[in-house]
Amino acid sequence: MALFVVIWSYTTDTSVKEAAHADHLVFVKDAAAKGVLQEAGAWADGAGALLVFKADSEDDLQALLAKDPYVTQGVVVDQSIYQWKPVIGPLVGI
């Protein structure tokens, strides 16, 4: 297992984000309950988000992210994924 940081940029169309929000929350809460999603939060200005996932591979993570309602319903307009190795904090050694 490895940790991955996902950085999203959102559409500026707030109606698209509002329409997908409830389903997205169900999706991320389920991923967190399963231990796959470690941390998540939107930027203070609402323009995007940062998420930290635990996954076997980037391909596995991309397959999971492809099912997120924010992705399937067009909220996410740009996505970057980085494998991450924290050296300080509670996620060290995950």
N, C-alpha and C. Protein backbone atom coordinates (compact mmCIF):
# COMPACT_ATOMS: atom_id res chain seq x y z
N MET A 1 0.84 -1.19 0.00
CA MET A 1 0.00 0.00 0.00
C MET A 1 0.88 1.25 0.00
N ALA A 2 0.37 2.26 -0.65
CA ALA A 2 1.08 3.53 -0.73
C ALA A 2 0.07 4.65 -0.49
N LEU A 3 0.60 5.80 -0.14
CA LEU A 3 -0.24 7.00 0.00
C LEU A 3 -0.14 7.83 -1.27
N PHE A 4 -1.26 8.40 -1.64
CA PHE A 4 -1.33 9.27 -2.81
C PHE A 4 -2.06 10.54 -2.45
N VAL A 5 -1.54 11.66 -2.90
CA VAL A 5 -2.22 12.95 -2.76
C VAL A 5 -2.91 13.24 -4.09
N VAL A 6 -4.17 13.61 -3.99
CA VAL A 6 -4.96 13.97 -5.16
C VAL A 6 -5.32 15.45 -5.02
N ILE A 7 -5.03 16.21 -6.06
CA ILE A 7 -5.38 17.63 -6.08
C ILE A 7 -6.39 17.84 -7.20
N TRP A 8 -7.52 18.37 -6.80
CA TRP A 8 -8.60 18.63 -7.76
C TRP A 8 -8.83 20.12 -7.93
N SER A 9 -9.18 20.50 -9.15
CA SER A 9 -9.73 21.82 -9.45
C SER A 9 -11.17 21.60 -9.88
N TYR A 10 -12.05 22.45 -9.39
CA TYR A 10 -13.48 22.31 -9.65
C TYR A 10 -13.96 23.27 -10.74
N THR A 11 -15.06 22.90 -11.34
CA THR A 11 -15.75 23.79 -12.27
C THR A 11 -16.19 25.05 -11.53
N THR A 12 -16.32 26.13 -12.25
CA THR A 12 -16.84 27.36 -11.66
C THR A 12 -18.36 27.39 -11.69
N ASP A 13 -18.98 26.39 -12.30
CA ASP A 13 -20.43 26.28 -12.36
C ASP A 13 -20.93 25.68 -11.04
N THR A 14 -21.37 26.54 -10.14
CA THR A 14 -21.78 26.07 -8.81
C THR A 14 -22.98 25.15 -8.85
N SER A 15 -23.83 25.27 -9.86
CA SER A 15 -24.99 24.38 -9.95
C SER A 15 -24.58 22.94 -10.19
N VAL A 16 -23.50 22.73 -10.92
CA VAL A 16 -22.98 21.38 -11.16
C VAL A 16 -22.47 20.79 -9.84
N LYS A 17 -21.72 21.60 -9.11
CA LYS A 17 -21.18 21.14 -7.81
C LYS A 17 -22.31 20.85 -6.82
N GLU A 18 -23.28 21.72 -6.75
CA GLU A 18 -24.40 21.52 -5.83
C GLU A 18 -25.18 20.25 -6.16
N ALA A 19 -25.37 19.96 -7.44
CA ALA A 19 -26.13 18.78 -7.86
C ALA A 19 -25.42 17.48 -7.48
N ALA A 20 -24.09 17.49 -7.45
CA ALA A 20 -23.31 16.27 -7.17
C ALA A 20 -22.90 16.14 -5.71
N HIS A 21 -23.07 17.19 -4.93
CA HIS A 21 -22.49 17.25 -3.58
C HIS A 21 -22.96 16.12 -2.66
N ALA A 22 -24.24 15.88 -2.57
CA ALA A 22 -24.75 14.86 -1.65
C ALA A 22 -24.21 13.47 -2.00
N ASP A 23 -24.21 13.13 -3.28
CA ASP A 23 -23.69 11.83 -3.70
C ASP A 23 -22.18 11.72 -3.47
N HIS A 24 -21.48 12.83 -3.68
CA HIS A 24 -20.03 12.86 -3.43
C HIS A 24 -19.75 12.61 -1.95
N LEU A 25 -20.52 13.23 -1.06
CA LEU A 25 -20.31 13.02 0.38
C LEU A 25 -20.52 11.56 0.77
N VAL A 26 -21.52 10.91 0.21
CA VAL A 26 -21.73 9.49 0.48
C VAL A 26 -20.51 8.69 0.02
N PHE A 27 -20.01 9.01 -1.18
CA PHE A 27 -18.87 8.31 -1.74
C PHE A 27 -17.62 8.46 -0.86
N VAL A 28 -17.29 9.69 -0.47
CA VAL A 28 -16.06 9.90 0.30
C VAL A 28 -16.18 9.37 1.73
N LYS A 29 -17.37 9.47 2.31
CA LYS A 29 -17.56 8.91 3.65
C LYS A 29 -17.40 7.39 3.63
N ASP A 30 -17.87 6.75 2.58
CA ASP A 30 -17.70 5.30 2.42
C ASP A 30 -16.21 4.96 2.25
N ALA A 31 -15.51 5.73 1.43
CA ALA A 31 -14.08 5.49 1.22
C ALA A 31 -13.31 5.68 2.52
N ALA A 32 -13.70 6.67 3.32
CA ALA A 32 -13.04 6.89 4.61
C ALA A 32 -13.33 5.75 5.58
N ALA A 33 -14.58 5.29 5.61
CA ALA A 33 -14.95 4.19 6.50
C ALA A 33 -14.18 2.90 6.15
N LYS A 34 -13.86 2.73 4.88
CA LYS A 34 -13.11 1.56 4.44
C LYS A 34 -11.59 1.72 4.64
N GLY A 35 -11.16 2.91 5.08
CA GLY A 35 -9.74 3.16 5.30
C GLY A 35 -8.96 3.52 4.06
N VAL A 36 -9.66 3.74 2.97
CA VAL A 36 -9.00 4.11 1.71
C VAL A 36 -8.70 5.60 1.67
N LEU A 37 -9.67 6.40 2.06
CA LEU A 37 -9.49 7.85 2.12
C LEU A 37 -9.00 8.21 3.51
N GLN A 38 -7.83 8.84 3.57
CA GLN A 38 -7.20 9.18 4.84
C GLN A 38 -7.53 10.59 5.30
N GLU A 39 -7.54 11.53 4.40
CA GLU A 39 -7.82 12.95 4.68
C GLU A 39 -8.44 13.56 3.44
N ALA A 40 -9.27 14.56 3.64
CA ALA A 40 -9.85 15.26 2.49
C ALA A 40 -10.38 16.61 2.94
N GLY A 41 -10.32 17.56 2.04
CA GLY A 41 -10.89 18.85 2.32
C GLY A 41 -10.77 19.77 1.13
N ALA A 42 -11.74 20.68 1.04
CA ALA A 42 -11.76 21.66 -0.04
C ALA A 42 -10.87 22.84 0.29
N TRP A 43 -10.41 23.52 -0.75
CA TRP A 43 -9.70 24.78 -0.54
C TRP A 43 -10.68 25.77 0.08
N ALA A 44 -10.18 26.70 0.84
CA ALA A 44 -11.02 27.69 1.51
C ALA A 44 -11.87 28.49 0.53
N ASP A 45 -11.37 28.69 -0.67
CA ASP A 45 -12.13 29.46 -1.67
C ASP A 45 -13.09 28.59 -2.48
N GLY A 46 -13.09 27.27 -2.22
CA GLY A 46 -14.01 26.37 -2.91
C GLY A 46 -13.62 26.02 -4.33
N ALA A 47 -12.41 26.39 -4.75
CA ALA A 47 -12.00 26.17 -6.13
C ALA A 47 -11.52 24.74 -6.41
N GLY A 48 -11.35 23.96 -5.36
CA GLY A 48 -10.86 22.59 -5.54
C GLY A 48 -10.65 21.94 -4.20
N ALA A 49 -9.88 20.86 -4.19
CA ALA A 49 -9.68 20.11 -2.95
C ALA A 49 -8.39 19.34 -2.98
N LEU A 50 -7.99 18.89 -1.79
CA LEU A 50 -6.85 18.00 -1.61
C LEU A 50 -7.36 16.77 -0.88
N LEU A 51 -7.01 15.59 -1.38
CA LEU A 51 -7.43 14.34 -0.78
C LEU A 51 -6.20 13.44 -0.66
N VAL A 52 -6.15 12.64 0.40
CA VAL A 52 -5.06 11.69 0.61
C VAL A 52 -5.67 10.29 0.68
N PHE A 53 -5.23 9.43 -0.20
CA PHE A 53 -5.73 8.07 -0.29
C PHE A 53 -4.64 7.06 -0.02
N LYS A 54 -5.05 5.91 0.46
CA LYS A 54 -4.18 4.75 0.58
C LYS A 54 -4.64 3.77 -0.50
N ALA A 55 -3.72 3.33 -1.35
CA ALA A 55 -4.09 2.43 -2.45
C ALA A 55 -2.90 1.54 -2.81
N ASP A 56 -3.21 0.43 -3.45
CA ASP A 56 -2.15 -0.48 -3.89
C ASP A 56 -1.34 0.11 -5.03
N SER A 57 -1.99 0.90 -5.88
CA SER A 57 -1.30 1.48 -7.03
C SER A 57 -2.06 2.72 -7.50
N GLU A 58 -1.41 3.51 -8.31
CA GLU A 58 -2.07 4.68 -8.89
C GLU A 58 -3.21 4.25 -9.80
N ASP A 59 -3.03 3.14 -10.52
CA ASP A 59 -4.10 2.64 -11.39
C ASP A 59 -5.35 2.29 -10.57
N ASP A 60 -5.15 1.63 -9.42
CA ASP A 60 -6.29 1.31 -8.55
C ASP A 60 -6.97 2.57 -8.06
N LEU A 61 -6.18 3.56 -7.70
CA LEU A 61 -6.74 4.82 -7.23
C LEU A 61 -7.51 5.51 -8.34
N GLN A 62 -6.96 5.54 -9.53
CA GLN A 62 -7.66 6.18 -10.65
C GLN A 62 -8.99 5.49 -10.94
N ALA A 63 -9.03 4.16 -10.81
CA ALA A 63 -10.28 3.43 -11.01
C ALA A 63 -11.30 3.83 -9.95
N LEU A 64 -10.86 4.00 -8.72
CA LEU A 64 -11.76 4.44 -7.65
C LEU A 64 -12.25 5.85 -7.90
N LEU A 65 -11.35 6.76 -8.21
CA LEU A 65 -11.72 8.15 -8.43
C LEU A 65 -12.69 8.30 -9.60
N ALA A 66 -12.58 7.45 -10.58
CA ALA A 66 -13.47 7.51 -11.74
C ALA A 66 -14.93 7.26 -11.37
N LYS A 67 -15.17 6.71 -10.17
CA LYS A 67 -16.53 6.43 -9.70
C LYS A 67 -17.08 7.54 -8.81
N ASP A 68 -16.24 8.49 -8.41
CA ASP A 68 -16.69 9.57 -7.53
C ASP A 68 -17.67 10.47 -8.30
N PRO A 69 -18.82 10.76 -7.70
CA PRO A 69 -19.79 11.63 -8.38
C PRO A 69 -19.23 12.99 -8.78
N TYR A 70 -18.27 13.52 -8.05
CA TYR A 70 -17.66 14.78 -8.48
C TYR A 70 -16.93 14.61 -9.81
N VAL A 71 -16.40 13.43 -10.06
CA VAL A 71 -15.73 13.16 -11.33
C VAL A 71 -16.77 12.85 -12.40
N THR A 72 -17.68 11.93 -12.10
CA THR A 72 -18.65 11.49 -13.11
C THR A 72 -19.63 12.58 -13.52
N GLN A 73 -19.88 13.55 -12.62
CA GLN A 73 -20.84 14.59 -12.93
C GLN A 73 -20.20 15.92 -13.33
N GLY A 74 -18.88 15.93 -13.55
CA GLY A 74 -18.22 17.09 -14.13
C GLY A 74 -17.82 18.20 -13.17
N VAL A 75 -17.80 17.90 -11.87
CA VAL A 75 -17.32 18.92 -10.92
C VAL A 75 -15.80 19.08 -11.06
N VAL A 76 -15.09 17.96 -11.13
CA VAL A 76 -13.63 17.98 -11.24
C VAL A 76 -13.26 18.27 -12.69
N VAL A 77 -12.53 19.37 -12.90
CA VAL A 77 -12.10 19.74 -14.25
C VAL A 77 -10.60 19.51 -14.45
N ASP A 78 -9.88 19.30 -13.37
CA ASP A 78 -8.45 19.00 -13.46
C ASP A 78 -8.07 18.17 -12.25
N GLN A 79 -7.24 17.16 -12.49
CA GLN A 79 -6.84 16.25 -11.41
C GLN A 79 -5.35 15.94 -11.54
N SER A 80 -4.65 16.04 -10.42
CA SER A 80 -3.24 15.63 -10.35
C SER A 80 -3.11 14.63 -9.23
N ILE A 81 -2.31 13.59 -9.46
CA ILE A 81 -2.08 12.55 -8.46
C ILE A 81 -0.58 12.41 -8.25
N TYR A 82 -0.19 12.37 -6.98
CA TYR A 82 1.22 12.22 -6.62
C TYR A 82 1.34 11.13 -5.56
N GLN A 83 2.26 10.20 -5.76
CA GLN A 83 2.56 9.28 -4.66
C GLN A 83 3.29 10.09 -3.61
N TRP A 84 2.95 9.86 -2.35
CA TRP A 84 3.42 10.73 -1.27
C TRP A 84 3.99 9.90 -0.14
N LYS A 85 5.12 10.35 0.40
CA LYS A 85 5.76 9.69 1.54
C LYS A 85 5.95 10.71 2.65
N PRO A 86 4.97 10.81 3.55
CA PRO A 86 5.09 11.77 4.65
C PRO A 86 6.25 11.40 5.59
N VAL A 87 6.91 12.41 6.13
CA VAL A 87 8.01 12.18 7.06
C VAL A 87 7.72 12.68 8.46
N ILE A 88 6.66 13.47 8.60
CA ILE A 88 6.24 13.97 9.91
C ILE A 88 4.73 13.91 9.96
N GLY A 89 4.18 13.49 11.08
CA GLY A 89 2.74 13.50 11.26
C GLY A 89 2.13 12.12 11.36
N PRO A 90 0.82 12.08 11.56
CA PRO A 90 0.14 10.82 11.84
C PRO A 90 0.08 9.83 10.67
N LEU A 91 0.37 10.28 9.47
CA LEU A 91 0.31 9.38 8.32
C LEU A 91 1.65 8.71 8.01
N VAL A 92 2.68 9.02 8.78
CA VAL A 92 3.99 8.40 8.57
C VAL A 92 3.84 6.89 8.81
N GLY A 93 4.39 6.13 7.90
CA GLY A 93 4.39 4.68 8.04
C GLY A 93 3.15 3.98 7.53
N ILE A 94 2.22 4.72 6.98
CA ILE A 94 1.02 4.08 6.41
C ILE A 94 1.36 3.52 5.05
